Amino acid sequence: MCGRIIVDYDENMDVAGGGELSQWLTGRPDGYQASWNVKPTQRIPIALTSAKDGAKRFELAHWSLVPPWSQDLRLKFPTFNARSEQLAEKATFRGPLKQQRCVVPVSGFYEWTGPKGSRTPHAVFGPEPLLPLAGLYSWWREPGASEGRGWHLTATILTRASAGVMGDLHDRMPVFMSDELLLEWLDPETEGDQLLVDAVSEAALPISERLREYAVGPLRGDGPELIEPLTVPPLGFEPRLRRF
């Protein structure tokens, strides 16, 4: 599961550690604002390759994928996450899987542990400043909108069974995007199927072993103080208290 993320880009968009993804991350998306508490239905940054002209794009999208046939931007069922194991079986995701695949570059994300009513959030970070997550996108248009208007870019983050550091936090984790498969994943000329999804999901496992996490306080409001550790972190661990 991935239901809360951190997006904190430096003003100069330093993409150290971005690997192959760096070629998509030129500048920052229009309307971008740093946030340490991004929730579903808010806007998240996504990198994609346009199926129309092959252009590399870095934009903000509504965090919950909305299929073209929906009558409303807000669905009755959650679509901010998509289970990677069943992607090709679900009508909502089967279409975008073919050509509308994206990557969500985050600074980190949160997961909760403990009993209901007294759950503790944990901030989770990758081995590099950017932690790319595999996703899908879809364009949704408001019913009755005039020509050229009413379009919304929407997106979802893929999840899989937890492994590595995430094993103690939750039974699901995001699908971390590996450099080896990123170009294929973002190439609309490659028709997406369950085999591609499974390969991307499997390649996420080494990254899950290199994650770092620590407990933080309740996620109230927004600001860099949300990722301050509750206790002194282990020797040599540097919390991400500064923008990269």
C-alpha atoms as a PDB file:
ATOM      1  CA  MET A   1       0.000   0.000   0.000  1.00  0.00           C
ATOM      2  CA  CYS A   2       1.112   3.538  -0.650  1.00  0.00           C
ATOM      3  CA  GLY A   3      -1.382   6.156   0.523  1.00  0.00           C
ATOM      4  CA  ARG A   4       0.796   9.086   1.573  1.00  0.00           C
ATOM      5  CA  ILE A   5       3.937  10.381  -0.116  1.00  0.00           C
ATOM      6  CA  ILE A   6       6.671  13.001   0.256  1.00  0.00           C
ATOM      7  CA  VAL A   7       7.660  15.208  -2.696  1.00  0.00           C
ATOM      8  CA  ASP A   8      10.416  17.714  -1.987  1.00  0.00           C
ATOM      9  CA  TYR A   9      12.412  18.817  -5.034  1.00  0.00           C
ATOM     10  CA  ASP A  10      15.269  21.270  -4.894  1.00  0.00           C
ATOM     11  CA  GLU A  11      14.756  24.606  -6.660  1.00  0.00           C
ATOM     12  CA  ASN A  12      17.375  23.608  -9.235  1.00  0.00           C
ATOM     13  CA  MET A  13      15.808  20.151  -9.610  1.00  0.00           C
ATOM     14  CA  ASP A  14      19.001  18.344  -8.648  1.00  0.00           C
ATOM     15  CA  VAL A  15      18.347  14.820  -9.928  1.00  0.00           C
ATOM     16  CA  ALA A  16      21.401  13.122  -8.464  1.00  0.00           C
ATOM     17  CA  GLY A  17      20.514   9.480  -8.149  1.00  0.00           C
ATOM     18  CA  GLY A  18      17.790   9.781 -10.762  1.00  0.00           C
ATOM     19  CA  GLY A  19      19.571   7.407 -13.139  1.00  0.00           C
ATOM     20  CA  GLU A  20      17.834   6.846 -16.463  1.00  0.00           C
ATOM     21  CA  LEU A  21      14.860   8.851 -15.185  1.00  0.00           C
ATOM     22  CA  SER A  22      16.946  12.040 -15.123  1.00  0.00           C
ATOM     23  CA  GLN A  23      16.311  12.687 -18.826  1.00  0.00           C
ATOM     24  CA  TRP A  24      12.594  13.165 -18.049  1.00  0.00           C
ATOM     25  CA  LEU A  25      13.131  15.454 -15.072  1.00  0.00           C
ATOM     26  CA  THR A  26      13.974  18.765 -16.707  1.00  0.00           C
ATOM     27  CA  GLY A  27      12.755  21.591 -14.514  1.00  0.00           C
ATOM     28  CA  ARG A  28       9.738  21.083 -12.293  1.00  0.00           C
ATOM     29  CA  PRO A  29       6.092  20.478 -13.180  1.00  0.00           C
ATOM     30  CA  ASP A  30       3.923  23.589 -13.552  1.00  0.00           C
ATOM     31  CA  GLY A  31       2.191  24.289 -10.249  1.00  0.00           C
ATOM     32  CA  TYR A  32       4.644  22.191  -8.234  1.00  0.00           C
ATOM     33  CA  GLN A  33       4.880  22.817  -4.490  1.00  0.00           C
ATOM     34  CA  ALA A  34       6.940  20.782  -2.057  1.00  0.00           C
ATOM     35  CA  SER A  35       4.839  18.669   0.293  1.00  0.00           C
ATOM     36  CA  TRP A  36       5.618  16.210   3.057  1.00  0.00           C
ATOM     37  CA  ASN A  37       2.046  14.965   3.304  1.00  0.00           C
ATOM     38  CA  VAL A  38       0.561  14.320  -0.146  1.00  0.00           C
ATOM     39  CA  LYS A  39      -2.767  12.449  -0.014  1.00  0.00           C
ATOM     40  CA  PRO A  40      -4.808  10.612  -2.647  1.00  0.00           C
ATOM     41  CA  THR A  41      -6.799  12.903  -4.992  1.00  0.00           C
ATOM     42  CA  GLN A  42      -4.175  15.613  -4.523  1.00  0.00           C
ATOM     43  CA  ARG A  43      -1.649  16.191  -7.298  1.00  0.00           C
ATOM     44  CA  ILE A  44       1.509  14.139  -7.700  1.00  0.00           C
ATOM     45  CA  PRO A  45       4.406  14.497 -10.179  1.00  0.00           C
ATOM     46  CA  ILE A  46       4.637  11.856 -12.906  1.00  0.00           C
ATOM     47  CA  ALA A  47       7.112  11.204 -15.716  1.00  0.00           C
ATOM     48  CA  LEU A  48       5.699   9.792 -18.952  1.00  0.00           C
ATOM     49  CA  THR A  49       6.354   9.497 -22.660  1.00  0.00           C
ATOM     50  CA  SER A  50       3.537  10.823 -24.818  1.00  0.00           C
ATOM     51  CA  ALA A  51       1.937   8.116 -26.951  1.00  0.00           C
ATOM     52  CA  LYS A  52       1.095  10.790 -29.547  1.00  0.00           C
ATOM     53  CA  ASP A  53       4.463  12.361 -30.267  1.00  0.00           C
ATOM     54  CA  GLY A  54       7.013  10.518 -28.087  1.00  0.00           C
ATOM     55  CA  ALA A  55       7.764  13.636 -26.028  1.00  0.00           C
ATOM     56  CA  LYS A  56       9.180  13.137 -22.527  1.00  0.00           C
ATOM     57  CA  ARG A  57       6.871  14.881 -20.083  1.00  0.00           C
ATOM     58  CA  PHE A  58       7.080  15.701 -16.369  1.00  0.00           C
ATOM     59  CA  GLU A  59       3.695  16.865 -15.080  1.00  0.00           C
ATOM     60  CA  LEU A  60       1.339  16.924 -12.111  1.00  0.00           C
ATOM     61  CA  ALA A  61      -1.537  14.445 -12.088  1.00  0.00           C
ATOM     62  CA  HIS A  62      -4.627  13.820  -9.965  1.00  0.00           C
ATOM     63  CA  TRP A  63      -3.609  10.988  -7.630  1.00  0.00           C
ATOM     64  CA  SER A  64      -6.324   8.415  -8.354  1.00  0.00           C
ATOM     65  CA  LEU A  65      -6.625   7.008 -11.844  1.00  0.00           C
ATOM     66  CA  VAL A  66      -9.966   7.822 -13.494  1.00  0.00           C
ATOM     67  CA  PRO A  67     -10.958   5.782 -16.585  1.00  0.00           C
ATOM     68  CA  PRO A  68     -12.273   7.706 -19.612  1.00  0.00           C
ATOM     69  CA  TRP A  69     -15.784   6.273 -19.237  1.00  0.00           C
ATOM     70  CA  SER A  70     -16.275   7.612 -15.693  1.00  0.00           C
ATOM     71  CA  GLN A  71     -18.905  10.334 -15.275  1.00  0.00           C
ATOM     72  CA  ASP A  72     -17.073  11.889 -12.339  1.00  0.00           C
ATOM     73  CA  LEU A  73     -13.507  12.668 -11.335  1.00  0.00           C
ATOM     74  CA  ARG A  74     -14.104  11.174  -7.899  1.00  0.00           C
ATOM     75  CA  LEU A  75     -14.823   7.452  -8.007  1.00  0.00           C
ATOM     76  CA  LYS A  76     -16.740   5.369  -5.455  1.00  0.00           C
ATOM     77  CA  PHE A  77     -13.841   2.911  -5.237  1.00  0.00           C
ATOM     78  CA  PRO A  78     -10.167   3.756  -4.544  1.00  0.00           C
ATOM     79  CA  THR A  79      -7.778   3.833  -7.493  1.00  0.00           C
ATOM     80  CA  PHE A  80      -4.751   5.614  -6.012  1.00  0.00           C
ATOM     81  CA  ASN A  81      -3.076   2.176  -5.843  1.00  0.00           C
ATOM     82  CA  ALA A  82      -3.270  -0.702  -8.310  1.00  0.00           C
ATOM     83  CA  ARG A  83      -2.338  -4.275  -7.394  1.00  0.00           C
ATOM     84  CA  SER A  84       0.381  -5.305  -9.843  1.00  0.00           C
ATOM     85  CA  GLU A  85      -0.569  -9.005  -9.719  1.00  0.00           C
ATOM     86  CA  GLN A  86      -4.033  -8.350 -11.186  1.00  0.00           C
ATOM     87  CA  LEU A  87      -3.367  -5.363 -13.418  1.00  0.00           C
ATOM     88  CA  ALA A  88      -4.200  -6.981 -16.758  1.00  0.00           C
ATOM     89  CA  GLU A  89      -7.483  -8.352 -15.355  1.00  0.00           C
ATOM     90  CA  LYS A  90      -8.981  -5.052 -14.193  1.00  0.00           C
ATOM     91  CA  ALA A  91     -10.922  -2.983 -16.727  1.00  0.00           C
ATOM     92  CA  THR A  92      -9.865   0.269 -15.036  1.00  0.00           C
ATOM     93  CA  PHE A  93      -6.159  -0.482 -15.489  1.00  0.00           C
ATOM     94  CA  ARG A  94      -6.025  -2.818 -18.489  1.00  0.00           C
ATOM     95  CA  GLY A  95      -6.244   0.016 -21.042  1.00  0.00           C
ATOM     96  CA  PRO A  96      -3.584   2.299 -19.488  1.00  0.00           C
ATOM     97  CA  LEU A  97      -1.257  -0.687 -19.055  1.00  0.00           C
ATOM     98  CA  LYS A  98      -0.914  -1.017 -22.835  1.00  0.00           C
ATOM     99  CA  GLN A  99       0.613   2.401 -23.532  1.00  0.00           C
ATOM    100  CA  GLN A 100      -0.006   4.798 -20.633  1.00  0.00           C
ATOM    101  CA  ARG A 101       2.628   3.807 -18.122  1.00  0.00           C
ATOM    102  CA  CYS A 102       4.402   6.346 -15.940  1.00  0.00           C
ATOM    103  CA  VAL A 103       6.863   6.738 -13.095  1.00  0.00           C
ATOM    104  CA  VAL A 104       6.137   8.714  -9.922  1.00  0.00           C
ATOM    105  CA  PRO A 105       9.427  10.192  -8.580  1.00  0.00           C
ATOM    106  CA  VAL A 106       8.995  10.731  -4.833  1.00  0.00           C
ATOM    107  CA  SER A 107      11.318  11.735  -2.015  1.00  0.00           C
ATOM    108  CA  GLY A 108       9.762   9.104   0.242  1.00  0.00           C
ATOM    109  CA  PHE A 109       6.478   7.766   1.560  1.00  0.00           C
ATOM    110  CA  TYR A 110       4.791   6.723   4.801  1.00  0.00           C
ATOM    111  CA  GLU A 111       3.465   3.482   6.216  1.00  0.00           C
ATOM    112  CA  TRP A 112       1.770   2.799   9.556  1.00  0.00           C
ATOM    113  CA  THR A 113       2.260   0.137  12.220  1.00  0.00           C
ATOM    114  CA  GLY A 114       0.457  -0.723  15.440  1.00  0.00           C
ATOM    115  CA  PRO A 115      -3.147  -1.353  16.482  1.00  0.00           C
ATOM    116  CA  LYS A 116      -6.056   0.631  15.105  1.00  0.00           C
ATOM    117  CA  GLY A 117      -6.513   3.841  17.053  1.00  0.00           C
ATOM    118  CA  SER A 118      -2.857   4.175  18.030  1.00  0.00           C
ATOM    119  CA  ARG A 119      -0.997   3.629  14.796  1.00  0.00           C
ATOM    120  CA  THR A 120       2.504   5.039  14.293  1.00  0.00           C
ATOM    121  CA  PRO A 121       3.573   6.438  10.914  1.00  0.00           C
ATOM    122  CA  HIS A 122       6.993   5.542   9.549  1.00  0.00           C
ATOM    123  CA  ALA A 123       8.840   7.620   6.958  1.00  0.00           C
ATOM    124  CA  VAL A 124      10.431   5.437   4.291  1.00  0.00           C
ATOM    125  CA  PHE A 125      13.237   6.581   1.980  1.00  0.00           C
ATOM    126  CA  GLY A 126      15.138   4.971  -0.873  1.00  0.00           C
ATOM    127  CA  PRO A 127      18.885   4.527  -1.321  1.00  0.00           C
ATOM    128  CA  GLU A 128      18.992   7.695  -3.489  1.00  0.00           C
ATOM    129  CA  PRO A 129      17.289  11.116  -3.118  1.00  0.00           C
ATOM    130  CA  LEU A 130      14.737  10.119  -5.759  1.00  0.00           C
ATOM    131  CA  LEU A 131      12.667   6.987  -5.230  1.00  0.00           C
ATOM    132  CA  PRO A 132      10.915   6.184  -8.543  1.00  0.00           C
ATOM    133  CA  LEU A 133       7.612   4.298  -8.265  1.00  0.00           C
ATOM    134  CA  ALA A 134       5.950   2.466 -11.155  1.00  0.00           C
ATOM    135  CA  GLY A 135       2.533   3.794 -12.132  1.00  0.00           C
ATOM    136  CA  LEU A 136      -0.135   4.166 -14.800  1.00  0.00           C
ATOM    137  CA  TYR A 137      -1.848   7.290 -16.085  1.00  0.00           C
ATOM    138  CA  SER A 138      -5.087   8.116 -17.866  1.00  0.00           C
ATOM    139  CA  TRP A 139      -6.658  11.228 -19.361  1.00  0.00           C
ATOM    140  CA  TRP A 140     -10.186  11.978 -18.167  1.00  0.00           C
ATOM    141  CA  ARG A 141     -12.448  14.622 -19.669  1.00  0.00           C
ATOM    142  CA  GLU A 142     -15.330  16.347 -17.917  1.00  0.00           C
ATOM    143  CA  PRO A 143     -18.665  15.357 -19.479  1.00  0.00           C
ATOM    144  CA  GLY A 144     -20.020  18.167 -21.636  1.00  0.00           C
ATOM    145  CA  ALA A 145     -16.755  20.120 -21.692  1.00  0.00           C
ATOM    146  CA  SER A 146     -16.192  22.333 -24.725  1.00  0.00           C
ATOM    147  CA  GLU A 147     -13.621  21.336 -27.311  1.00  0.00           C
ATOM    148  CA  GLY A 148     -10.077  21.319 -25.971  1.00  0.00           C
ATOM    149  CA  ARG A 149     -11.194  21.877 -22.370  1.00  0.00           C
ATOM    150  CA  GLY A 150     -11.997  19.844 -19.281  1.00  0.00           C
ATOM    151  CA  TRP A 151      -9.076  17.431 -19.514  1.00  0.00           C
ATOM    152  CA  HIS A 152      -7.519  15.963 -16.331  1.00  0.00           C
ATOM    153  CA  LEU A 153      -4.354  13.880 -16.123  1.00  0.00           C
ATOM    154  CA  THR A 154      -4.847  11.135 -13.505  1.00  0.00           C
ATOM    155  CA  ALA A 155      -2.506   8.464 -12.161  1.00  0.00           C
ATOM    156  CA  THR A 156      -2.108   5.477  -9.859  1.00  0.00           C
ATOM    157  CA  ILE A 157       0.860   3.860  -8.085  1.00  0.00           C
ATOM    158  CA  LEU A 158       1.450   0.120  -8.477  1.00  0.00           C
ATOM    159  CA  THR A 159       1.839  -2.088  -5.398  1.00  0.00           C
ATOM    160  CA  ARG A 160       3.048  -5.625  -4.717  1.00  0.00           C
ATOM    161  CA  ALA A 161       3.626  -7.963  -1.773  1.00  0.00           C
ATOM    162  CA  SER A 162       6.114  -6.475   0.681  1.00  0.00           C
ATOM    163  CA  ALA A 163       9.716  -7.562   0.931  1.00  0.00           C
ATOM    164  CA  GLY A 164      12.921  -6.370   2.547  1.00  0.00           C
ATOM    165  CA  VAL A 165      12.586  -3.434   4.922  1.00  0.00           C
ATOM    166  CA  MET A 166       8.861  -3.146   4.179  1.00  0.00           C
ATOM    167  CA  GLY A 167       8.162  -6.659   5.463  1.00  0.00           C
ATOM    168  CA  ASP A 168       7.842  -5.420   9.055  1.00  0.00           C
ATOM    169  CA  LEU A 169       5.674  -2.415   8.197  1.00  0.00           C
ATOM    170  CA  HIS A 170       2.896  -3.613   5.878  1.00  0.00           C
ATOM    171  CA  ASP A 171       1.922  -6.556   3.693  1.00  0.00           C
ATOM    172  CA  ARG A 172       1.959  -4.310   0.566  1.00  0.00           C
ATOM    173  CA  MET A 173       4.569  -1.909  -0.787  1.00  0.00           C
ATOM    174  CA  PRO A 174       4.972   0.274  -3.886  1.00  0.00           C
ATOM    175  CA  VAL A 175       6.596  -1.231  -6.965  1.00  0.00           C
ATOM    176  CA  PHE A 176       9.969   0.504  -7.038  1.00  0.00           C
ATOM    177  CA  MET A 177      11.137   1.244 -10.571  1.00  0.00           C
ATOM    178  CA  SER A 178      14.521  -0.190 -11.496  1.00  0.00           C
ATOM    179  CA  ASP A 179      16.858   1.512 -13.961  1.00  0.00           C
ATOM    180  CA  GLU A 180      17.108  -1.695 -15.999  1.00  0.00           C
ATOM    181  CA  LEU A 181      13.446  -1.681 -17.031  1.00  0.00           C
ATOM    182  CA  LEU A 182      12.624   2.022 -16.853  1.00  0.00           C
ATOM    183  CA  LEU A 183      13.105   2.798 -20.547  1.00  0.00           C
ATOM    184  CA  GLU A 184      10.949  -0.138 -21.583  1.00  0.00           C
ATOM    185  CA  TRP A 185       8.272   0.779 -19.037  1.00  0.00           C
ATOM    186  CA  LEU A 186       8.104   4.379 -20.286  1.00  0.00           C
ATOM    187  CA  ASP A 187       8.160   3.455 -23.977  1.00  0.00           C
ATOM    188  CA  PRO A 188       4.599   3.604 -25.413  1.00  0.00           C
ATOM    189  CA  GLU A 189       5.852   1.600 -28.407  1.00  0.00           C
ATOM    190  CA  THR A 190       6.156  -1.362 -26.030  1.00  0.00           C
ATOM    191  CA  GLU A 191       2.680  -2.809 -25.529  1.00  0.00           C
ATOM    192  CA  GLY A 192       2.272  -3.450 -21.831  1.00  0.00           C
ATOM    193  CA  ASP A 193       1.042  -6.801 -20.546  1.00  0.00           C
ATOM    194  CA  GLN A 194       1.134  -8.783 -17.312  1.00  0.00           C
ATOM    195  CA  LEU A 195       4.561 -10.216 -18.183  1.00  0.00           C
ATOM    196  CA  LEU A 196       6.042  -6.717 -18.258  1.00  0.00           C
ATOM    197  CA  VAL A 197       4.350  -5.823 -14.971  1.00  0.00           C
ATOM    198  CA  ASP A 198       5.657  -8.989 -13.322  1.00  0.00           C
ATOM    199  CA  ALA A 199       9.202  -8.266 -14.531  1.00  0.00           C
ATOM    200  CA  VAL A 200       9.074  -4.699 -13.167  1.00  0.00           C
ATOM    201  CA  SER A 201       7.638  -5.960  -9.874  1.00  0.00           C
ATOM    202  CA  GLU A 202      10.379  -8.589  -9.505  1.00  0.00           C
ATOM    203  CA  ALA A 203      13.085  -6.022 -10.262  1.00  0.00           C
ATOM    204  CA  ALA A 204      11.805  -3.937  -7.313  1.00  0.00           C
ATOM    205  CA  LEU A 205      13.006  -6.507  -4.771  1.00  0.00           C
ATOM    206  CA  PRO A 206      16.691  -5.440  -4.583  1.00  0.00           C
ATOM    207  CA  ILE A 207      15.585  -1.847  -4.006  1.00  0.00           C
ATOM    208  CA  SER A 208      13.329  -2.940  -1.129  1.00  0.00           C
ATOM    209  CA  GLU A 209      16.417  -4.300   0.651  1.00  0.00           C
ATOM    210  CA  ARG A 210      18.051  -0.876   0.547  1.00  0.00           C
ATOM    211  CA  LEU A 211      15.214   1.220   1.964  1.00  0.00           C
ATOM    212  CA  ARG A 212      15.574   3.171   5.206  1.00  0.00           C
ATOM    213  CA  GLU A 213      12.751   3.886   7.618  1.00  0.00           C
ATOM    214  CA  TYR A 214      12.069   5.373  11.032  1.00  0.00           C
ATOM    215  CA  ALA A 215       9.018   6.281  13.120  1.00  0.00           C
ATOM    216  CA  VAL A 216       7.699   9.843  13.001  1.00  0.00           C
ATOM    217  CA  GLY A 217       4.966  11.771  14.784  1.00  0.00           C
ATOM    218  CA  PRO A 218       1.314  12.086  13.677  1.00  0.00           C
ATOM    219  CA  LEU A 219       0.925  13.514  10.173  1.00  0.00           C
ATOM    220  CA  ARG A 220      -0.845  16.761  10.925  1.00  0.00           C
ATOM    221  CA  GLY A 221      -0.596  19.644   8.491  1.00  0.00           C
ATOM    222  CA  ASP A 222       2.355  19.833   6.140  1.00  0.00           C
ATOM    223  CA  GLY A 223       6.019  20.753   6.396  1.00  0.00           C
ATOM    224  CA  PRO A 224       9.528  19.246   6.753  1.00  0.00           C
ATOM    225  CA  GLU A 225       8.972  18.755  10.491  1.00  0.00           C
ATOM    226  CA  LEU A 226       6.748  15.779   9.630  1.00  0.00           C
ATOM    227  CA  ILE A 227       9.804  13.680   8.759  1.00  0.00           C
ATOM    228  CA  GLU A 228      11.673  14.404  11.967  1.00  0.00           C
ATOM    229  CA  PRO A 229      12.317  11.057  13.737  1.00  0.00           C
ATOM    230  CA  LEU A 230      10.516  10.291  16.983  1.00  0.00           C
ATOM    231  CA  THR A 231      13.709   8.851  18.454  1.00  0.00           C
ATOM    232  CA  VAL A 232      17.424   9.189  17.741  1.00  0.00           C
ATOM    233  CA  PRO A 233      18.067   7.254  14.500  1.00  0.00           C
ATOM    234  CA  PRO A 234      20.770   4.576  14.257  1.00  0.00           C
ATOM    235  CA  LEU A 235      24.402   5.683  13.992  1.00  0.00           C
ATOM    236  CA  GLY A 236      25.201   6.786  10.457  1.00  0.00           C
ATOM    237  CA  PHE A 237      21.557   7.301   9.452  1.00  0.00           C
ATOM    238  CA  GLU A 238      20.839  10.773   8.124  1.00  0.00           C
ATOM    239  CA  PRO A 239      17.135  11.710   8.019  1.00  0.00           C
ATOM    240  CA  ARG A 240      16.046  13.592   4.924  1.00  0.00           C
ATOM    241  CA  LEU A 241      15.578  16.913   6.692  1.00  0.00           C
ATOM    242  CA  ARG A 242      16.855  18.965   3.792  1.00  0.00           C
ATOM    243  CA  ARG A 243      15.728  19.265   0.215  1.00  0.00           C
ATOM    244  CA  PHE A 244      17.788  17.456  -2.375  1.00  0.00           C
END
